[in-house]
Amino acid sequence: MPNHPYTRSLLSVVPTPYPRTGLKREILEGELPDASQVPSGCRFHPRCPQAFDRCPVDDPHELIPVADDLGHARACWLDETTAPAG
């Protein structure tokens, strides 16, 4: 399962031929983004279910390696050092 919350939400609604038991679909709320008007900060913050106060202000442009054997990386402020408490 992906580490980035926005990617998890997108993949949770992909139709599959075999129903996945125990996985809840995450329906993203908010308006679809306008490609001609990219939002400030993280471009996914308007629809990200885990966005917090830093997301609309700062763009997470640095790729952070993900702890897997596939060489994946993400650009997200939501990690163990920057996530809000709770």
PDB file of N, CA and C in Angstrom:
ATOM      1  N   MET A   1       0.842  -1.178   0.000  1.00  0.00           N
ATOM      2  CA  MET A   1       0.000   0.000   0.000  1.00  0.00           C
ATOM      3  C   MET A   1       0.887   1.241   0.000  1.00  0.00           C
ATOM      4  N   PRO A   2       0.576   2.260  -0.765  1.00  0.00           N
ATOM      5  CA  PRO A   2       1.401   3.466  -0.834  1.00  0.00           C
ATOM      6  C   PRO A   2       1.473   4.202   0.501  1.00  0.00           C
ATOM      7  N   ASN A   3       2.555   4.947   0.704  1.00  0.00           N
ATOM      8  CA  ASN A   3       2.727   5.727   1.928  1.00  0.00           C
ATOM      9  C   ASN A   3       2.062   7.091   1.861  1.00  0.00           C
ATOM     10  N   HIS A   4       1.966   7.684   0.688  1.00  0.00           N
ATOM     11  CA  HIS A   4       1.409   9.024   0.564  1.00  0.00           C
ATOM     12  C   HIS A   4      -0.110   8.960   0.712  1.00  0.00           C
ATOM     13  N   PRO A   5      -0.704   9.788   1.596  1.00  0.00           N
ATOM     14  CA  PRO A   5      -2.147   9.697   1.852  1.00  0.00           C
ATOM     15  C   PRO A   5      -3.004   9.981   0.624  1.00  0.00           C
ATOM     16  N   TYR A   6      -2.590  10.891  -0.236  1.00  0.00           N
ATOM     17  CA  TYR A   6      -3.369  11.201  -1.428  1.00  0.00           C
ATOM     18  C   TYR A   6      -3.369  10.014  -2.389  1.00  0.00           C
ATOM     19  N   THR A   7      -2.226   9.380  -2.555  1.00  0.00           N
ATOM     20  CA  THR A   7      -2.131   8.208  -3.426  1.00  0.00           C
ATOM     21  C   THR A   7      -2.964   7.058  -2.878  1.00  0.00           C
ATOM     22  N   ARG A   8      -2.915   6.848  -1.554  1.00  0.00           N
ATOM     23  CA  ARG A   8      -3.750   5.808  -0.931  1.00  0.00           C
ATOM     24  C   ARG A   8      -5.219   6.044  -1.226  1.00  0.00           C
ATOM     25  N   SER A   9      -5.667   7.296  -1.112  1.00  0.00           N
ATOM     26  CA  SER A   9      -7.068   7.623  -1.380  1.00  0.00           C
ATOM     27  C   SER A   9      -7.439   7.316  -2.821  1.00  0.00           C
ATOM     28  N   LEU A  10      -6.565   7.716  -3.756  1.00  0.00           N
ATOM     29  CA  LEU A  10      -6.849   7.465  -5.163  1.00  0.00           C
ATOM     30  C   LEU A  10      -6.936   5.968  -5.467  1.00  0.00           C
ATOM     31  N   LEU A  11      -5.993   5.206  -4.948  1.00  0.00           N
ATOM     32  CA  LEU A  11      -5.979   3.769  -5.230  1.00  0.00           C
ATOM     33  C   LEU A  11      -7.106   3.015  -4.531  1.00  0.00           C
ATOM     34  N   SER A  12      -7.647   3.560  -3.453  1.00  0.00           N
ATOM     35  CA  SER A  12      -8.707   2.863  -2.726  1.00  0.00           C
ATOM     36  C   SER A  12     -10.010   2.784  -3.517  1.00  0.00           C
ATOM     37  N   VAL A  13     -10.170   3.620  -4.529  1.00  0.00           N
ATOM     38  CA  VAL A  13     -11.407   3.614  -5.308  1.00  0.00           C
ATOM     39  C   VAL A  13     -11.264   2.986  -6.686  1.00  0.00           C
ATOM     40  N   VAL A  14     -10.101   2.429  -6.985  1.00  0.00           N
ATOM     41  CA  VAL A  14      -9.903   1.762  -8.273  1.00  0.00           C
ATOM     42  C   VAL A  14     -10.712   0.465  -8.283  1.00  0.00           C
ATOM     43  N   PRO A  15     -11.564   0.271  -9.303  1.00  0.00           N
ATOM     44  CA  PRO A  15     -12.337  -0.976  -9.368  1.00  0.00           C
ATOM     45  C   PRO A  15     -11.417  -2.185  -9.575  1.00  0.00           C
ATOM     46  N   THR A  16     -11.734  -3.261  -8.922  1.00  0.00           N
ATOM     47  CA  THR A  16     -10.975  -4.495  -9.078  1.00  0.00           C
ATOM     48  C   THR A  16     -11.940  -5.643  -9.354  1.00  0.00           C
ATOM     49  N   PRO A  17     -11.488  -6.672 -10.041  1.00  0.00           N
ATOM     50  CA  PRO A  17     -12.372  -7.802 -10.319  1.00  0.00           C
ATOM     51  C   PRO A  17     -12.679  -8.632  -9.070  1.00  0.00           C
ATOM     52  N   TYR A  18     -11.844  -8.496  -8.054  1.00  0.00           N
ATOM     53  CA  TYR A  18     -12.051  -9.239  -6.815  1.00  0.00           C
ATOM     54  C   TYR A  18     -12.257  -8.251  -5.679  1.00  0.00           C
ATOM     55  N   PRO A  19     -13.420  -8.277  -5.060  1.00  0.00           N
ATOM     56  CA  PRO A  19     -13.666  -7.330  -3.966  1.00  0.00           C
ATOM     57  C   PRO A  19     -12.638  -7.512  -2.851  1.00  0.00           C
ATOM     58  N   ARG A  20     -12.133  -6.402  -2.378  1.00  0.00           N
ATOM     59  CA  ARG A  20     -11.166  -6.447  -1.272  1.00  0.00           C
ATOM     60  C   ARG A  20     -11.931  -6.333   0.031  1.00  0.00           C
ATOM     61  N   THR A  21     -11.835  -7.336   0.831  1.00  0.00           N
ATOM     62  CA  THR A  21     -12.535  -7.297   2.103  1.00  0.00           C
ATOM     63  C   THR A  21     -11.677  -6.582   3.136  1.00  0.00           C
ATOM     64  N   GLY A  22     -12.322  -5.791   3.955  1.00  0.00           N
ATOM     65  CA  GLY A  22     -11.624  -5.106   5.034  1.00  0.00           C
ATOM     66  C   GLY A  22     -10.987  -3.784   4.647  1.00  0.00           C
ATOM     67  N   LEU A  23     -10.988  -3.410   3.369  1.00  0.00           N
ATOM     68  CA  LEU A  23     -10.414  -2.133   2.968  1.00  0.00           C
ATOM     69  C   LEU A  23     -11.536  -1.132   2.700  1.00  0.00           C
ATOM     70  N   LYS A  24     -11.430   0.013   3.327  1.00  0.00           N
ATOM     71  CA  LYS A  24     -12.440   1.049   3.182  1.00  0.00           C
ATOM     72  C   LYS A  24     -12.058   1.996   2.047  1.00  0.00           C
ATOM     73  N   ARG A  25     -13.019   2.330   1.225  1.00  0.00           N
ATOM     74  CA  ARG A  25     -12.781   3.308   0.167  1.00  0.00           C
ATOM     75  C   ARG A  25     -12.710   4.699   0.782  1.00  0.00           C
ATOM     76  N   GLU A  26     -11.731   5.471   0.354  1.00  0.00           N
ATOM     77  CA  GLU A  26     -11.577   6.845   0.809  1.00  0.00           C
ATOM     78  C   GLU A  26     -12.003   7.758  -0.329  1.00  0.00           C
ATOM     79  N   ILE A  27     -13.162   8.366  -0.199  1.00  0.00           N
ATOM     80  CA  ILE A  27     -13.664   9.269  -1.223  1.00  0.00           C
ATOM     81  C   ILE A  27     -13.112  10.664  -0.928  1.00  0.00           C
ATOM     82  N   LEU A  28     -12.353  11.198  -1.882  1.00  0.00           N
ATOM     83  CA  LEU A  28     -11.764  12.523  -1.697  1.00  0.00           C
ATOM     84  C   LEU A  28     -12.846  13.590  -1.782  1.00  0.00           C
ATOM     85  N   GLU A  29     -12.785  14.549  -0.883  1.00  0.00           N
ATOM     86  CA  GLU A  29     -13.746  15.643  -0.869  1.00  0.00           C
ATOM     87  C   GLU A  29     -13.110  16.879  -1.493  1.00  0.00           C
ATOM     88  N   GLY A  30     -13.929  17.872  -1.770  1.00  0.00           N
ATOM     89  CA  GLY A  30     -13.428  19.115  -2.340  1.00  0.00           C
ATOM     90  C   GLY A  30     -13.586  19.124  -3.845  1.00  0.00           C
ATOM     91  N   GLU A  31     -13.268  20.275  -4.419  1.00  0.00           N
ATOM     92  CA  GLU A  31     -13.398  20.438  -5.854  1.00  0.00           C
ATOM     93  C   GLU A  31     -12.183  19.895  -6.582  1.00  0.00           C
ATOM     94  N   LEU A  32     -12.398  19.434  -7.801  1.00  0.00           N
ATOM     95  CA  LEU A  32     -11.285  18.979  -8.628  1.00  0.00           C
ATOM     96  C   LEU A  32     -10.361  20.163  -8.901  1.00  0.00           C
ATOM     97  N   PRO A  33      -9.053  19.935  -8.859  1.00  0.00           N
ATOM     98  CA  PRO A  33      -8.122  21.036  -9.074  1.00  0.00           C
ATOM     99  C   PRO A  33      -8.143  21.540 -10.516  1.00  0.00           C
ATOM    100  N   ASP A  34      -7.880  22.830 -10.669  1.00  0.00           N
ATOM    101  CA  ASP A  34      -7.776  23.460 -11.983  1.00  0.00           C
ATOM    102  C   ASP A  34      -6.296  23.456 -12.359  1.00  0.00           C
ATOM    103  N   ALA A  35      -5.946  22.759 -13.431  1.00  0.00           N
ATOM    104  CA  ALA A  35      -4.539  22.624 -13.821  1.00  0.00           C
ATOM    105  C   ALA A  35      -3.896  23.958 -14.173  1.00  0.00           C
ATOM    106  N   SER A  36      -4.695  24.955 -14.507  1.00  0.00           N
ATOM    107  CA  SER A  36      -4.130  26.259 -14.842  1.00  0.00           C
ATOM    108  C   SER A  36      -3.888  27.121 -13.604  1.00  0.00           C
ATOM    109  N   GLN A  37      -4.387  26.686 -12.445  1.00  0.00           N
ATOM    110  CA  GLN A  37      -4.209  27.430 -11.198  1.00  0.00           C
ATOM    111  C   GLN A  37      -3.767  26.469 -10.098  1.00  0.00           C
ATOM    112  N   VAL A  38      -2.507  26.121 -10.127  1.00  0.00           N
ATOM    113  CA  VAL A  38      -1.960  25.190  -9.140  1.00  0.00           C
ATOM    114  C   VAL A  38      -1.996  25.861  -7.765  1.00  0.00           C
ATOM    115  N   PRO A  39      -2.514  25.175  -6.744  1.00  0.00           N
ATOM    116  CA  PRO A  39      -2.588  25.784  -5.419  1.00  0.00           C
ATOM    117  C   PRO A  39      -1.203  26.023  -4.825  1.00  0.00           C
ATOM    118  N   SER A  40      -1.147  26.932  -3.875  1.00  0.00           N
ATOM    119  CA  SER A  40       0.117  27.195  -3.189  1.00  0.00           C
ATOM    120  C   SER A  40       0.485  26.005  -2.320  1.00  0.00           C
ATOM    121  N   GLY A  41       1.744  25.938  -1.922  1.00  0.00           N
ATOM    122  CA  GLY A  41       2.200  24.839  -1.067  1.00  0.00           C
ATOM    123  C   GLY A  41       2.145  23.518  -1.805  1.00  0.00           C
ATOM    124  N   CYS A  42       1.773  22.488  -1.094  1.00  0.00           N
ATOM    125  CA  CYS A  42       1.620  21.174  -1.720  1.00  0.00           C
ATOM    126  C   CYS A  42       0.413  21.210  -2.653  1.00  0.00           C
ATOM    127  N   ARG A  43       0.613  20.803  -3.882  1.00  0.00           N
ATOM    128  CA  ARG A  43      -0.467  20.893  -4.865  1.00  0.00           C
ATOM    129  C   ARG A  43      -1.633  19.957  -4.555  1.00  0.00           C
ATOM    130  N   PHE A  44      -1.446  18.999  -3.657  1.00  0.00           N
ATOM    131  CA  PHE A  44      -2.514  18.055  -3.319  1.00  0.00           C
ATOM    132  C   PHE A  44      -3.270  18.424  -2.044  1.00  0.00           C
ATOM    133  N   HIS A  45      -2.828  19.458  -1.337  1.00  0.00           N
ATOM    134  CA  HIS A  45      -3.436  19.748  -0.032  1.00  0.00           C
ATOM    135  C   HIS A  45      -4.943  20.024  -0.054  1.00  0.00           C
ATOM    136  N   PRO A  46      -5.517  20.619  -1.109  1.00  0.00           N
ATOM    137  CA  PRO A  46      -6.960  20.867  -1.055  1.00  0.00           C
ATOM    138  C   PRO A  46      -7.810  19.599  -0.951  1.00  0.00           C
ATOM    139  N   ARG A  47      -7.293  18.467  -1.415  1.00  0.00           N
ATOM    140  CA  ARG A  47      -8.080  17.230  -1.379  1.00  0.00           C
ATOM    141  C   ARG A  47      -7.428  16.132  -0.547  1.00  0.00           C
ATOM    142  N   CYS A  48      -6.309  16.410   0.096  1.00  0.00           N
ATOM    143  CA  CYS A  48      -5.613  15.396   0.881  1.00  0.00           C
ATOM    144  C   CYS A  48      -6.307  15.231   2.231  1.00  0.00           C
ATOM    145  N   PRO A  49      -6.672  14.011   2.602  1.00  0.00           N
ATOM    146  CA  PRO A  49      -7.378  13.792   3.870  1.00  0.00           C
ATOM    147  C   PRO A  49      -6.503  14.028   5.101  1.00  0.00           C
ATOM    148  N   GLN A  50      -5.186  14.129   4.938  1.00  0.00           N
ATOM    149  CA  GLN A  50      -4.310  14.317   6.094  1.00  0.00           C
ATOM    150  C   GLN A  50      -3.532  15.628   6.025  1.00  0.00           C
ATOM    151  N   ALA A  51      -3.973  16.574   5.216  1.00  0.00           N
ATOM    152  CA  ALA A  51      -3.287  17.860   5.113  1.00  0.00           C
ATOM    153  C   ALA A  51      -3.348  18.590   6.456  1.00  0.00           C
ATOM    154  N   PHE A  52      -2.272  19.286   6.771  1.00  0.00           N
ATOM    155  CA  PHE A  52      -2.243  20.078   7.999  1.00  0.00           C
ATOM    156  C   PHE A  52      -1.680  21.460   7.684  1.00  0.00           C
ATOM    157  N   ASP A  53      -1.475  22.296   8.686  1.00  0.00           N
ATOM    158  CA  ASP A  53      -1.191  23.720   8.491  1.00  0.00           C
ATOM    159  C   ASP A  53       0.012  24.042   7.604  1.00  0.00           C
ATOM    160  N   ARG A  54       0.988  23.199   7.513  1.00  0.00           N
ATOM    161  CA  ARG A  54       2.167  23.472   6.673  1.00  0.00           C
ATOM    162  C   ARG A  54       1.888  23.216   5.187  1.00  0.00           C
ATOM    163  N   CYS A  55       0.961  22.322   4.886  1.00  0.00           N
ATOM    164  CA  CYS A  55       0.714  21.892   3.510  1.00  0.00           C
ATOM    165  C   CYS A  55       0.326  23.025   2.554  1.00  0.00           C
ATOM    166  N   PRO A  56      -0.578  23.952   2.907  1.00  0.00           N
ATOM    167  CA  PRO A  56      -0.912  25.014   1.964  1.00  0.00           C
ATOM    168  C   PRO A  56       0.144  26.113   1.862  1.00  0.00           C
ATOM    169  N   VAL A  57       1.159  26.068   2.730  1.00  0.00           N
ATOM    170  CA  VAL A  57       2.173  27.128   2.771  1.00  0.00           C
ATOM    171  C   VAL A  57       3.459  26.732   2.066  1.00  0.00           C
ATOM    172  N   ASP A  58       3.981  25.550   2.359  1.00  0.00           N
ATOM    173  CA  ASP A  58       5.272  25.108   1.832  1.00  0.00           C
ATOM    174  C   ASP A  58       5.110  23.967   0.841  1.00  0.00           C
ATOM    175  N   ASP A  59       5.839  24.058  -0.268  1.00  0.00           N
ATOM    176  CA  ASP A  59       5.831  23.005  -1.285  1.00  0.00           C
ATOM    177  C   ASP A  59       6.866  21.941  -0.920  1.00  0.00           C
ATOM    178  N   PRO A  60       6.443  20.697  -0.695  1.00  0.00           N
ATOM    179  CA  PRO A  60       7.402  19.640  -0.379  1.00  0.00           C
ATOM    180  C   PRO A  60       8.100  19.144  -1.641  1.00  0.00           C
ATOM    181  N   HIS A  61       9.111  19.842  -2.079  1.00  0.00           N
ATOM    182  CA  HIS A  61       9.757  19.521  -3.348  1.00  0.00           C
ATOM    183  C   HIS A  61      10.847  18.454  -3.234  1.00  0.00           C
ATOM    184  N   GLU A  62      11.352  18.216  -2.037  1.00  0.00           N
ATOM    185  CA  GLU A  62      12.417  17.216  -1.875  1.00  0.00           C
ATOM    186  C   GLU A  62      11.813  15.818  -1.759  1.00  0.00           C
ATOM    187  N   LEU A  63      12.318  14.887  -2.547  1.00  0.00           N
ATOM    188  CA  LEU A  63      11.845  13.506  -2.482  1.00  0.00           C
ATOM    189  C   LEU A  63      12.464  12.807  -1.281  1.00  0.00           C
ATOM    190  N   ILE A  64      11.621  12.151  -0.495  1.00  0.00           N
ATOM    191  CA  ILE A  64      12.045  11.416   0.689  1.00  0.00           C
ATOM    192  C   ILE A  64      11.969   9.928   0.355  1.00  0.00           C
ATOM    193  N   PRO A  65      13.065   9.184   0.506  1.00  0.00           N
ATOM    194  CA  PRO A  65      13.012   7.749   0.223  1.00  0.00           C
ATOM    195  C   PRO A  65      12.015   7.040   1.146  1.00  0.00           C
ATOM    196  N   VAL A  66      11.283   6.103   0.582  1.00  0.00           N
ATOM    197  CA  VAL A  66      10.317   5.313   1.330  1.00  0.00           C
ATOM    198  C   VAL A  66      11.006   4.016   1.746  1.00  0.00           C
ATOM    199  N   ALA A  67      10.716   3.560   2.948  1.00  0.00           N
ATOM    200  CA  ALA A  67      11.352   2.343   3.458  1.00  0.00           C
ATOM    201  C   ALA A  67      10.736   1.111   2.787  1.00  0.00           C
ATOM    202  N   ASP A  68      11.139   0.850   1.564  1.00  0.00           N
ATOM    203  CA  ASP A  68      10.743  -0.377   0.879  1.00  0.00           C
ATOM    204  C   ASP A  68      11.912  -0.820   0.006  1.00  0.00           C
ATOM    205  N   ASP A  69      11.793  -1.944  -0.593  1.00  0.00           N
ATOM    206  CA  ASP A  69      12.871  -2.469  -1.428  1.00  0.00           C
ATOM    207  C   ASP A  69      12.693  -2.118  -2.901  1.00  0.00           C
ATOM    208  N   LEU A  70      11.767  -1.219  -3.213  1.00  0.00           N
ATOM    209  CA  LEU A  70      11.454  -0.907  -4.596  1.00  0.00           C
ATOM    210  C   LEU A  70      12.047   0.417  -5.062  1.00  0.00           C
ATOM    211  N   GLY A  71      12.697   1.152  -4.182  1.00  0.00           N
ATOM    212  CA  GLY A  71      13.298   2.420  -4.565  1.00  0.00           C
ATOM    213  C   GLY A  71      12.307   3.562  -4.684  1.00  0.00           C
ATOM    214  N   HIS A  72      11.137   3.452  -4.049  1.00  0.00           N
ATOM    215  CA  HIS A  72      10.136   4.498  -4.116  1.00  0.00           C
ATOM    216  C   HIS A  72      10.528   5.696  -3.259  1.00  0.00           C
ATOM    217  N   ALA A  73       9.960   6.850  -3.616  1.00  0.00           N
ATOM    218  CA  ALA A  73      10.164   8.071  -2.845  1.00  0.00           C
ATOM    219  C   ALA A  73       8.872   8.876  -2.875  1.00  0.00           C
ATOM    220  N   ARG A  74       8.762   9.839  -1.962  1.00  0.00           N
ATOM    221  CA  ARG A  74       7.579  10.692  -1.920  1.00  0.00           C
ATOM    222  C   ARG A  74       7.989  12.112  -1.567  1.00  0.00           C
ATOM    223  N   ALA A  75       7.154  13.052  -1.917  1.00  0.00           N
ATOM    224  CA  ALA A  75       7.355  14.442  -1.542  1.00  0.00           C
ATOM    225  C   ALA A  75       6.140  14.835  -0.712  1.00  0.00           C
ATOM    226  N   CYS A  76       6.267  14.724   0.597  1.00  0.00           N
ATOM    227  CA  CYS A  76       5.139  14.964   1.496  1.00  0.00           C
ATOM    228  C   CYS A  76       5.682  15.431   2.842  1.00  0.00           C
ATOM    229  N   TRP A  77       5.000  16.415   3.447  1.00  0.00           N
ATOM    230  CA  TRP A  77       5.412  16.876   4.775  1.00  0.00           C
ATOM    231  C   TRP A  77       4.981  15.904   5.860  1.00  0.00           C
ATOM    232  N   LEU A  78       4.114  14.988   5.537  1.00  0.00           N
ATOM    233  CA  LEU A  78       3.583  14.070   6.539  1.00  0.00           C
ATOM    234  C   LEU A  78       4.558  12.913   6.754  1.00  0.00           C
ATOM    235  N   ASP A  79       5.429  13.078   7.701  1.00  0.00           N
ATOM    236  CA  ASP A  79       6.320  11.998   8.111  1.00  0.00           C
ATOM    237  C   ASP A  79       6.520  12.118   9.615  1.00  0.00           C
ATOM    238  N   GLU A  80       7.316  11.258  10.167  1.00  0.00           N
ATOM    239  CA  GLU A  80       7.443  11.207  11.621  1.00  0.00           C
ATOM    240  C   GLU A  80       8.068  12.472  12.234  1.00  0.00           C
ATOM    241  N   THR A  81       8.743  13.308  11.467  1.00  0.00           N
ATOM    242  CA  THR A  81       9.350  14.493  12.055  1.00  0.00           C
ATOM    243  C   THR A  81       8.521  15.755  11.869  1.00  0.00           C
ATOM    244  N   THR A  82       7.572  15.768  10.921  1.00  0.00           N
ATOM    245  CA  THR A  82       6.819  16.993  10.662  1.00  0.00           C
ATOM    246  C   THR A  82       5.322  16.853  10.865  1.00  0.00           C
ATOM    247  N   ALA A  83       4.839  15.641  11.092  1.00  0.00           N
ATOM    248  CA  ALA A  83       3.383  15.451  11.228  1.00  0.00           C
ATOM    249  C   ALA A  83       2.878  16.086  12.504  1.00  0.00           C
ATOM    250  N   PRO A  84       1.633  16.604  12.464  1.00  0.00           N
ATOM    251  CA  PRO A  84       1.070  17.168  13.676  1.00  0.00           C
ATOM    252  C   PRO A  84       0.798  16.089  14.710  1.00  0.00           C
ATOM    253  N   ALA A  85       0.863  16.430  15.969  1.00  0.00           N
ATOM    254  CA  ALA A  85       0.613  15.456  17.038  1.00  0.00           C
ATOM    255  C   ALA A  85      -0.846  15.044  17.006  1.00  0.00           C
ATOM    256  N   GLY A  86      -1.105  13.769  17.330  1.00  0.00           N
ATOM    257  CA  GLY A  86      -2.469  13.288  17.424  1.00  0.00           C
ATOM    258  C   GLY A  86      -2.857  12.602  16.204  1.00  0.00           C
TER     259      GLY A  86
END
